[in-house]
Amino acid sequence: MRSIAIMNQKGGVGKTTTTVNLAAALAEAGKTVCVIDMDPQSHATLHFGVEELPNEEFKSLYDVLVEGTPIAEVRRRIDDKISLIPAHLDLTSAEMQLVGTVAREQILKNKLLEDKPDYDYLLIDCPPALGVLTINALTAVDEVFIPLEPHFLALQGLGKLLLTIEVVVKQLNKQLRLGGVVLCKYEGGTKLAGEVADEVETYLQNIAGKNNTWSKAKLFKTRVRKNIALAEAPSHGVPILQYAPTSNGADDYRSLAQEVLNETGV
């Protein structure tokens, strides 16, 4: 199983959009995918059309991390290829409740080892903050994808994210690697977007030989274009491939999925 955390400490850059729609595109290509929503805002959960109903016991990732509930009891089937470990607002209190817990950064990793999920891909949508939840995600996976919006502060933000990953590699997860950067909300007609893309690519090439953590890091060729359908799809509770299958957004995530598939043949 290939395990990937999708993270950025800045909100609104396309993190959840990438998690949900990459999962859908991989599934369309015939792969099985498990998505874990680690964000208390539950945007990935809502994007898949999963919400708490009156008089329904809603088990979520909170129950796994805080109550010790097995992942199998929380997992929901979205379709025959995609499963979801949903999030709930309760996750906002998880960090405080886990303060005194031994090895709290490795709870998710240990729960996944107990569960032994039989999937081709595991995608984790991280919260836009560095805390116990994000560290749990980075400790449990082998790769990180970073969605990035092409603006003039992009490289500064990328540098901070790489420092965070490096700390986790040294202290908690020596297998963790930066898989790549995905440019989202891309406007190809602007000079700025092209300049940022060139700068990010050069930056990644320059750090590639410094240590194993960055050795395979790259800028994905796919540019996820700014597309109104991508913004509309979450309100309908389905990925872009179902909401607008012929849109630019659907095409871009199919293209990104193909790049991911071509890397290992998985």
C-alpha atoms as a PDB file:
ATOM      1  CA  MET A   1       0.000   0.000   0.000  1.00  0.00           C
ATOM      2  CA  ARG A   2       1.276   3.448  -0.903  1.00  0.00           C
ATOM      3  CA  SER A   3       0.573   5.913   1.922  1.00  0.00           C
ATOM      4  CA  ILE A   4       0.493   9.680   1.332  1.00  0.00           C
ATOM      5  CA  ALA A   5      -0.232  12.641   3.600  1.00  0.00           C
ATOM      6  CA  ILE A   6      -1.486  15.732   1.799  1.00  0.00           C
ATOM      7  CA  MET A   7      -0.541  18.763   3.842  1.00  0.00           C
ATOM      8  CA  ASN A   8       0.005  22.478   3.881  1.00  0.00           C
ATOM      9  CA  GLN A   9       0.007  24.687   6.959  1.00  0.00           C
ATOM     10  CA  LYS A  10      -1.791  27.348   4.937  1.00  0.00           C
ATOM     11  CA  GLY A  11      -5.521  26.943   4.403  1.00  0.00           C
ATOM     12  CA  GLY A  12      -7.349  27.407   1.126  1.00  0.00           C
ATOM     13  CA  VAL A  13      -4.612  26.091  -1.165  1.00  0.00           C
ATOM     14  CA  GLY A  14      -6.480  23.040  -2.493  1.00  0.00           C
ATOM     15  CA  LYS A  15      -5.442  20.454   0.085  1.00  0.00           C
ATOM     16  CA  THR A  16      -8.833  18.813   0.643  1.00  0.00           C
ATOM     17  CA  THR A  17      -9.780  19.263  -3.001  1.00  0.00           C
ATOM     18  CA  THR A  18      -6.639  17.380  -3.988  1.00  0.00           C
ATOM     19  CA  THR A  19      -7.178  14.604  -1.434  1.00  0.00           C
ATOM     20  CA  VAL A  20     -10.771  13.890  -2.464  1.00  0.00           C
ATOM     21  CA  ASN A  21     -10.366  14.248  -6.206  1.00  0.00           C
ATOM     22  CA  LEU A  22      -7.052  12.411  -6.430  1.00  0.00           C
ATOM     23  CA  ALA A  23      -8.737   9.558  -4.538  1.00  0.00           C
ATOM     24  CA  ALA A  24     -11.628   9.604  -7.003  1.00  0.00           C
ATOM     25  CA  ALA A  25      -9.307   9.660 -10.010  1.00  0.00           C
ATOM     26  CA  LEU A  26      -7.228   6.765  -8.663  1.00  0.00           C
ATOM     27  CA  ALA A  27     -10.447   4.836  -8.046  1.00  0.00           C
ATOM     28  CA  GLU A  28     -11.616   5.566 -11.587  1.00  0.00           C
ATOM     29  CA  ALA A  29      -8.330   4.046 -12.753  1.00  0.00           C
ATOM     30  CA  GLY A  30      -9.233   0.857 -10.905  1.00  0.00           C
ATOM     31  CA  LYS A  31      -7.325   1.352  -7.645  1.00  0.00           C
ATOM     32  CA  THR A  32      -8.710   0.927  -4.131  1.00  0.00           C
ATOM     33  CA  VAL A  33      -8.276   3.960  -1.889  1.00  0.00           C
ATOM     34  CA  CYS A  34      -8.787   4.700   1.794  1.00  0.00           C
ATOM     35  CA  VAL A  35      -9.090   8.373   2.734  1.00  0.00           C
ATOM     36  CA  ILE A  36      -8.528   9.548   6.305  1.00  0.00           C
ATOM     37  CA  ASP A  37      -9.941  12.965   7.174  1.00  0.00           C
ATOM     38  CA  MET A  38      -7.765  14.393   9.959  1.00  0.00           C
ATOM     39  CA  ASP A  39      -9.120  17.926   9.763  1.00  0.00           C
ATOM     40  CA  PRO A  40     -11.645  18.903  12.490  1.00  0.00           C
ATOM     41  CA  GLN A  41     -13.395  21.029   9.859  1.00  0.00           C
ATOM     42  CA  SER A  42     -14.405  17.718   8.225  1.00  0.00           C
ATOM     43  CA  HIS A  43     -14.250  19.139   4.709  1.00  0.00           C
ATOM     44  CA  ALA A  44     -13.145  15.875   3.083  1.00  0.00           C
ATOM     45  CA  THR A  45     -15.928  14.037   4.933  1.00  0.00           C
ATOM     46  CA  LEU A  46     -18.526  16.524   3.705  1.00  0.00           C
ATOM     47  CA  HIS A  47     -17.050  16.482   0.208  1.00  0.00           C
ATOM     48  CA  PHE A  48     -17.840  12.758   0.058  1.00  0.00           C
ATOM     49  CA  GLY A  49     -21.411  13.482   1.149  1.00  0.00           C
ATOM     50  CA  VAL A  50     -20.994  12.013   4.645  1.00  0.00           C
ATOM     51  CA  GLU A  51     -22.580  13.995   7.465  1.00  0.00           C
ATOM     52  CA  GLU A  52     -23.964  13.397  10.926  1.00  0.00           C
ATOM     53  CA  LEU A  53     -27.681  12.652  10.935  1.00  0.00           C
ATOM     54  CA  PRO A  54     -30.129  13.176  13.844  1.00  0.00           C
ATOM     55  CA  ASN A  55     -30.369  10.173  16.176  1.00  0.00           C
ATOM     56  CA  GLU A  56     -27.400   8.511  14.470  1.00  0.00           C
ATOM     57  CA  GLU A  57     -24.270   7.404  16.299  1.00  0.00           C
ATOM     58  CA  PHE A  58     -21.530   9.065  14.294  1.00  0.00           C
ATOM     59  CA  LYS A  59     -18.189   7.387  14.853  1.00  0.00           C
ATOM     60  CA  SER A  60     -15.188   9.234  13.519  1.00  0.00           C
ATOM     61  CA  LEU A  61     -11.420   9.505  13.697  1.00  0.00           C
ATOM     62  CA  TYR A  62     -11.885  11.050  17.138  1.00  0.00           C
ATOM     63  CA  ASP A  63     -13.076   7.679  18.441  1.00  0.00           C
ATOM     64  CA  VAL A  64     -10.002   6.001  16.963  1.00  0.00           C
ATOM     65  CA  LEU A  65      -7.465   8.446  18.420  1.00  0.00           C
ATOM     66  CA  VAL A  66      -9.039   9.207  21.784  1.00  0.00           C
ATOM     67  CA  GLU A  67     -11.319   6.276  22.609  1.00  0.00           C
ATOM     68  CA  GLY A  68      -9.205   3.521  21.065  1.00  0.00           C
ATOM     69  CA  THR A  69     -11.945   2.362  18.684  1.00  0.00           C
ATOM     70  CA  PRO A  70     -10.670   0.017  15.941  1.00  0.00           C
ATOM     71  CA  ILE A  71     -10.487   1.668  12.527  1.00  0.00           C
ATOM     72  CA  ALA A  72     -12.725  -1.034  11.066  1.00  0.00           C
ATOM     73  CA  GLU A  73     -15.619   0.196  13.236  1.00  0.00           C
ATOM     74  CA  VAL A  74     -15.279   3.740  11.910  1.00  0.00           C
ATOM     75  CA  ARG A  75     -14.555   3.091   8.244  1.00  0.00           C
ATOM     76  CA  ARG A  76     -17.339   3.919   5.769  1.00  0.00           C
ATOM     77  CA  ARG A  77     -17.685   2.716   2.209  1.00  0.00           C
ATOM     78  CA  ILE A  78     -18.151   5.541  -0.271  1.00  0.00           C
ATOM     79  CA  ASP A  79     -18.303   3.163  -3.234  1.00  0.00           C
ATOM     80  CA  ASP A  80     -16.717  -0.122  -4.283  1.00  0.00           C
ATOM     81  CA  LYS A  81     -13.259   1.484  -4.584  1.00  0.00           C
ATOM     82  CA  ILE A  82     -13.172   4.260  -1.941  1.00  0.00           C
ATOM     83  CA  SER A  83     -13.445   4.028   1.842  1.00  0.00           C
ATOM     84  CA  LEU A  84     -13.406   6.919   4.312  1.00  0.00           C
ATOM     85  CA  ILE A  85     -12.383   7.376   7.925  1.00  0.00           C
ATOM     86  CA  PRO A  86     -14.515  10.467   8.610  1.00  0.00           C
ATOM     87  CA  ALA A  87     -13.714  13.459  10.784  1.00  0.00           C
ATOM     88  CA  HIS A  88     -15.960  15.254  13.234  1.00  0.00           C
ATOM     89  CA  LEU A  89     -15.816  18.553  15.100  1.00  0.00           C
ATOM     90  CA  ASP A  90     -14.853  16.533  18.193  1.00  0.00           C
ATOM     91  CA  LEU A  91     -11.347  16.347  16.733  1.00  0.00           C
ATOM     92  CA  THR A  92     -10.787  19.943  17.872  1.00  0.00           C
ATOM     93  CA  SER A  93     -10.527  18.656  21.450  1.00  0.00           C
ATOM     94  CA  ALA A  94      -8.401  15.629  20.593  1.00  0.00           C
ATOM     95  CA  GLU A  95      -5.092  17.468  20.872  1.00  0.00           C
ATOM     96  CA  MET A  96      -5.858  18.597  24.426  1.00  0.00           C
ATOM     97  CA  GLN A  97      -7.154  15.177  25.453  1.00  0.00           C
ATOM     98  CA  LEU A  98      -4.062  13.456  24.144  1.00  0.00           C
ATOM     99  CA  VAL A  99      -1.572  15.720  25.932  1.00  0.00           C
ATOM    100  CA  GLY A 100      -0.758  13.156  28.614  1.00  0.00           C
ATOM    101  CA  THR A 101      -0.931  10.105  26.356  1.00  0.00           C
ATOM    102  CA  VAL A 102       2.272   8.117  25.910  1.00  0.00           C
ATOM    103  CA  ALA A 103       3.488   8.046  22.277  1.00  0.00           C
ATOM    104  CA  ARG A 104       0.529  10.191  21.227  1.00  0.00           C
ATOM    105  CA  GLU A 105       2.225  11.004  17.917  1.00  0.00           C
ATOM    106  CA  GLN A 106       2.060   7.337  16.882  1.00  0.00           C
ATOM    107  CA  ILE A 107      -1.549   6.466  17.717  1.00  0.00           C
ATOM    108  CA  LEU A 108      -2.740   6.513  14.108  1.00  0.00           C
ATOM    109  CA  LYS A 109       0.271   4.517  12.924  1.00  0.00           C
ATOM    110  CA  ASN A 110      -0.383   1.828  15.527  1.00  0.00           C
ATOM    111  CA  LYS A 111      -4.093   1.693  14.728  1.00  0.00           C
ATOM    112  CA  LEU A 112      -3.338   1.242  11.037  1.00  0.00           C
ATOM    113  CA  LEU A 113      -0.893  -1.561  11.851  1.00  0.00           C
ATOM    114  CA  GLU A 114      -3.642  -3.281  13.833  1.00  0.00           C
ATOM    115  CA  ASP A 115      -6.127  -2.792  11.010  1.00  0.00           C
ATOM    116  CA  LYS A 116      -3.816  -3.861   8.178  1.00  0.00           C
ATOM    117  CA  PRO A 117      -5.967  -2.225   5.476  1.00  0.00           C
ATOM    118  CA  ASP A 118      -5.908  -3.907   2.093  1.00  0.00           C
ATOM    119  CA  TYR A 119      -5.835  -0.869  -0.194  1.00  0.00           C
ATOM    120  CA  ASP A 120      -3.659   0.268  -3.045  1.00  0.00           C
ATOM    121  CA  TYR A 121      -3.515   3.821  -1.675  1.00  0.00           C
ATOM    122  CA  LEU A 122      -3.973   5.541   1.677  1.00  0.00           C
ATOM    123  CA  LEU A 123      -4.506   9.325   1.455  1.00  0.00           C
ATOM    124  CA  ILE A 124      -4.616  11.493   4.581  1.00  0.00           C
ATOM    125  CA  ASP A 125      -6.080  14.994   4.482  1.00  0.00           C
ATOM    126  CA  CYS A 126      -4.158  16.929   7.146  1.00  0.00           C
ATOM    127  CA  PRO A 127      -5.433  19.994   9.037  1.00  0.00           C
ATOM    128  CA  PRO A 128      -3.928  23.381   8.089  1.00  0.00           C
ATOM    129  CA  ALA A 129      -1.882  23.512  11.287  1.00  0.00           C
ATOM    130  CA  LEU A 130       1.090  21.764  12.843  1.00  0.00           C
ATOM    131  CA  GLY A 131      -0.065  19.827  15.903  1.00  0.00           C
ATOM    132  CA  VAL A 132      -0.671  16.331  17.209  1.00  0.00           C
ATOM    133  CA  LEU A 133      -3.094  15.508  14.369  1.00  0.00           C
ATOM    134  CA  THR A 134      -0.686  16.472  11.589  1.00  0.00           C
ATOM    135  CA  ILE A 135       2.241  14.777  13.322  1.00  0.00           C
ATOM    136  CA  ASN A 136       0.152  11.588  13.615  1.00  0.00           C
ATOM    137  CA  ALA A 137      -0.444  11.711   9.872  1.00  0.00           C
ATOM    138  CA  LEU A 138       3.232  12.265   9.038  1.00  0.00           C
ATOM    139  CA  THR A 139       4.284   9.457  11.364  1.00  0.00           C
ATOM    140  CA  ALA A 140       1.847   7.016   9.751  1.00  0.00           C
ATOM    141  CA  VAL A 141       2.758   7.504   6.059  1.00  0.00           C
ATOM    142  CA  ASP A 142       5.729   7.132   3.743  1.00  0.00           C
ATOM    143  CA  GLU A 143       5.195  10.196   1.541  1.00  0.00           C
ATOM    144  CA  VAL A 144       3.993  13.788   1.613  1.00  0.00           C
ATOM    145  CA  PHE A 145       2.339  15.708  -1.217  1.00  0.00           C
ATOM    146  CA  ILE A 146       2.167  19.481  -0.830  1.00  0.00           C
ATOM    147  CA  PRO A 147      -0.540  21.411  -2.716  1.00  0.00           C
ATOM    148  CA  LEU A 148       0.715  24.915  -3.405  1.00  0.00           C
ATOM    149  CA  GLU A 149      -1.022  27.993  -4.719  1.00  0.00           C
ATOM    150  CA  PRO A 150       1.228  29.900  -7.154  1.00  0.00           C
ATOM    151  CA  HIS A 151       1.706  33.243  -5.434  1.00  0.00           C
ATOM    152  CA  PHE A 152       4.809  35.214  -4.488  1.00  0.00           C
ATOM    153  CA  LEU A 153       5.061  33.774  -0.944  1.00  0.00           C
ATOM    154  CA  ALA A 154       4.824  30.163  -2.128  1.00  0.00           C
ATOM    155  CA  LEU A 155       8.521  29.357  -1.753  1.00  0.00           C
ATOM    156  CA  GLN A 156       8.663  30.824   1.748  1.00  0.00           C
ATOM    157  CA  GLY A 157       5.789  28.602   2.825  1.00  0.00           C
ATOM    158  CA  LEU A 158       7.334  25.584   1.117  1.00  0.00           C
ATOM    159  CA  GLY A 159      10.572  26.062   3.015  1.00  0.00           C
ATOM    160  CA  LYS A 160       8.738  26.018   6.359  1.00  0.00           C
ATOM    161  CA  LEU A 161       6.871  22.862   5.400  1.00  0.00           C
ATOM    162  CA  LEU A 162      10.128  21.118   4.514  1.00  0.00           C
ATOM    163  CA  LEU A 163      11.571  21.992   7.916  1.00  0.00           C
ATOM    164  CA  THR A 164       8.523  20.410   9.556  1.00  0.00           C
ATOM    165  CA  ILE A 165       8.943  17.234   7.509  1.00  0.00           C
ATOM    166  CA  GLU A 166      12.638  17.100   8.372  1.00  0.00           C
ATOM    167  CA  VAL A 167      11.894  17.260  12.107  1.00  0.00           C
ATOM    168  CA  VAL A 168       9.430  14.362  11.801  1.00  0.00           C
ATOM    169  CA  VAL A 169      11.971  12.320   9.804  1.00  0.00           C
ATOM    170  CA  LYS A 170      14.650  12.800  12.456  1.00  0.00           C
ATOM    171  CA  GLN A 171      12.465  12.118  15.478  1.00  0.00           C
ATOM    172  CA  LEU A 172       9.550   9.883  14.463  1.00  0.00           C
ATOM    173  CA  ASN A 173       9.511   8.469  10.942  1.00  0.00           C
ATOM    174  CA  LYS A 174      12.779   7.830   9.147  1.00  0.00           C
ATOM    175  CA  GLN A 175      10.907   6.460   6.104  1.00  0.00           C
ATOM    176  CA  LEU A 176       9.072   9.712   5.392  1.00  0.00           C
ATOM    177  CA  ARG A 177       9.815  11.356   2.052  1.00  0.00           C
ATOM    178  CA  LEU A 178       8.579  14.385   0.155  1.00  0.00           C
ATOM    179  CA  GLY A 179       6.892  12.921  -2.923  1.00  0.00           C
ATOM    180  CA  GLY A 180       6.099  16.143  -4.689  1.00  0.00           C
ATOM    181  CA  VAL A 181       4.409  19.511  -4.970  1.00  0.00           C
ATOM    182  CA  VAL A 182       1.103  20.058  -6.776  1.00  0.00           C
ATOM    183  CA  LEU A 183       0.304  23.514  -8.107  1.00  0.00           C
ATOM    184  CA  CYS A 184      -3.400  24.245  -7.540  1.00  0.00           C
ATOM    185  CA  LYS A 185      -5.662  27.149  -8.510  1.00  0.00           C
ATOM    186  CA  TYR A 186      -3.340  27.633 -11.459  1.00  0.00           C
ATOM    187  CA  GLU A 187      -3.978  30.422 -13.966  1.00  0.00           C
ATOM    188  CA  GLY A 188      -1.801  29.637 -16.943  1.00  0.00           C
ATOM    189  CA  GLY A 189      -2.379  32.991 -18.585  1.00  0.00           C
ATOM    190  CA  THR A 190      -0.614  34.909 -15.827  1.00  0.00           C
ATOM    191  CA  LYS A 191       3.092  35.654 -15.727  1.00  0.00           C
ATOM    192  CA  LEU A 192       3.216  35.085 -11.962  1.00  0.00           C
ATOM    193  CA  ALA A 193       1.967  31.495 -12.161  1.00  0.00           C
ATOM    194  CA  GLY A 194       4.675  30.571 -14.648  1.00  0.00           C
ATOM    195  CA  GLU A 195       7.390  32.294 -12.615  1.00  0.00           C
ATOM    196  CA  VAL A 196       6.362  30.534  -9.397  1.00  0.00           C
ATOM    197  CA  ALA A 197       6.260  27.165 -11.170  1.00  0.00           C
ATOM    198  CA  ASP A 198       9.815  27.706 -12.449  1.00  0.00           C
ATOM    199  CA  GLU A 199      11.026  28.807  -9.010  1.00  0.00           C
ATOM    200  CA  VAL A 200       9.492  25.809  -7.240  1.00  0.00           C
ATOM    201  CA  GLU A 201      10.954  23.386  -9.785  1.00  0.00           C
ATOM    202  CA  THR A 202      14.415  24.927  -9.459  1.00  0.00           C
ATOM    203  CA  TYR A 203      14.161  24.889  -5.669  1.00  0.00           C
ATOM    204  CA  LEU A 204      13.246  21.192  -5.583  1.00  0.00           C
ATOM    205  CA  GLN A 205      16.044  20.320  -7.999  1.00  0.00           C
ATOM    206  CA  ASN A 206      18.530  22.159  -5.782  1.00  0.00           C
ATOM    207  CA  ILE A 207      17.557  20.315  -2.597  1.00  0.00           C
ATOM    208  CA  ALA A 208      17.119  16.887  -4.238  1.00  0.00           C
ATOM    209  CA  GLY A 209      20.671  15.734  -3.559  1.00  0.00           C
ATOM    210  CA  LYS A 210      20.952  16.986   0.006  1.00  0.00           C
ATOM    211  CA  ASN A 211      19.471  13.936   1.736  1.00  0.00           C
ATOM    212  CA  ASN A 212      17.143  11.006   1.124  1.00  0.00           C
ATOM    213  CA  THR A 213      14.103  12.923   2.347  1.00  0.00           C
ATOM    214  CA  TRP A 214      14.167  15.148  -0.743  1.00  0.00           C
ATOM    215  CA  SER A 215      15.816  12.761  -3.211  1.00  0.00           C
ATOM    216  CA  LYS A 216      12.642  12.032  -5.212  1.00  0.00           C
ATOM    217  CA  ALA A 217      10.879  15.326  -4.623  1.00  0.00           C
ATOM    218  CA  LYS A 218       9.483  16.900  -7.756  1.00  0.00           C
ATOM    219  CA  LEU A 219       6.986  19.379  -9.076  1.00  0.00           C
ATOM    220  CA  PHE A 220       4.163  17.417 -10.696  1.00  0.00           C
ATOM    221  CA  LYS A 221       3.699  18.319 -14.345  1.00  0.00           C
ATOM    222  CA  THR A 222      -0.062  18.557 -13.875  1.00  0.00           C
ATOM    223  CA  ARG A 223      -1.318  22.036 -13.063  1.00  0.00           C
ATOM    224  CA  VAL A 224      -4.715  21.986 -11.377  1.00  0.00           C
ATOM    225  CA  ARG A 225      -6.385  24.913 -13.071  1.00  0.00           C
ATOM    226  CA  LYS A 226      -8.697  27.351 -11.355  1.00  0.00           C
ATOM    227  CA  ASN A 227     -12.130  25.925 -12.086  1.00  0.00           C
ATOM    228  CA  ILE A 228     -15.541  26.910 -10.704  1.00  0.00           C
ATOM    229  CA  ALA A 229     -16.743  23.297 -10.876  1.00  0.00           C
ATOM    230  CA  LEU A 230     -14.080  22.318  -8.315  1.00  0.00           C
ATOM    231  CA  ALA A 231     -15.515  24.885  -5.916  1.00  0.00           C
ATOM    232  CA  GLU A 232     -19.095  23.711  -6.536  1.00  0.00           C
ATOM    233  CA  ALA A 233     -18.574  19.949  -6.214  1.00  0.00           C
ATOM    234  CA  PRO A 234     -18.251  19.830  -2.373  1.00  0.00           C
ATOM    235  CA  SER A 235     -21.726  21.329  -1.898  1.00  0.00           C
ATOM    236  CA  HIS A 236     -23.107  18.396  -3.896  1.00  0.00           C
ATOM    237  CA  GLY A 237     -21.250  15.835  -1.796  1.00  0.00           C
ATOM    238  CA  VAL A 238     -19.362  14.229  -4.685  1.00  0.00           C
ATOM    239  CA  PRO A 239     -15.886  14.473  -6.251  1.00  0.00           C
ATOM    240  CA  ILE A 240     -15.400  16.528  -9.397  1.00  0.00           C
ATOM    241  CA  LEU A 241     -15.295  13.364 -11.533  1.00  0.00           C
ATOM    242  CA  GLN A 242     -18.940  12.760 -10.688  1.00  0.00           C
ATOM    243  CA  TYR A 243     -20.119  16.361 -10.513  1.00  0.00           C
ATOM    244  CA  ALA A 244     -18.541  17.592 -13.749  1.00  0.00           C
ATOM    245  CA  PRO A 245     -16.708  14.688 -15.420  1.00  0.00           C
ATOM    246  CA  THR A 246     -15.733  16.666 -18.527  1.00  0.00           C
ATOM    247  CA  SER A 247     -14.567  19.810 -16.718  1.00  0.00           C
ATOM    248  CA  ASN A 248     -10.990  21.084 -16.562  1.00  0.00           C
ATOM    249  CA  GLY A 249     -10.907  20.115 -12.903  1.00  0.00           C
ATOM    250  CA  ALA A 250     -11.797  16.491 -13.651  1.00  0.00           C
ATOM    251  CA  ASP A 251      -9.238  16.334 -16.455  1.00  0.00           C
ATOM    252  CA  ASP A 252      -6.526  17.785 -14.228  1.00  0.00           C
ATOM    253  CA  TYR A 253      -7.055  15.306 -11.406  1.00  0.00           C
ATOM    254  CA  ARG A 254      -7.129  12.413 -13.877  1.00  0.00           C
ATOM    255  CA  SER A 255      -3.801  13.698 -15.172  1.00  0.00           C
ATOM    256  CA  LEU A 256      -2.379  13.980 -11.647  1.00  0.00           C
ATOM    257  CA  ALA A 257      -3.558  10.455 -10.813  1.00  0.00           C
ATOM    258  CA  GLN A 258      -1.831   9.145 -13.929  1.00  0.00           C
ATOM    259  CA  GLU A 259       1.431  10.778 -12.848  1.00  0.00           C
ATOM    260  CA  VAL A 260       1.106   9.161  -9.419  1.00  0.00           C
ATOM    261  CA  LEU A 261       0.345   5.769 -10.990  1.00  0.00           C
ATOM    262  CA  ASN A 262       3.273   6.046 -13.384  1.00  0.00           C
ATOM    263  CA  GLU A 263       5.761   6.627 -10.541  1.00  0.00           C
ATOM    264  CA  THR A 264       5.629   3.094  -9.172  1.00  0.00           C
ATOM    265  CA  GLY A 265       3.176   1.201 -11.322  1.00  0.00           C
ATOM    266  CA  VAL A 266       1.012   0.641  -8.237  1.00  0.00           C
END
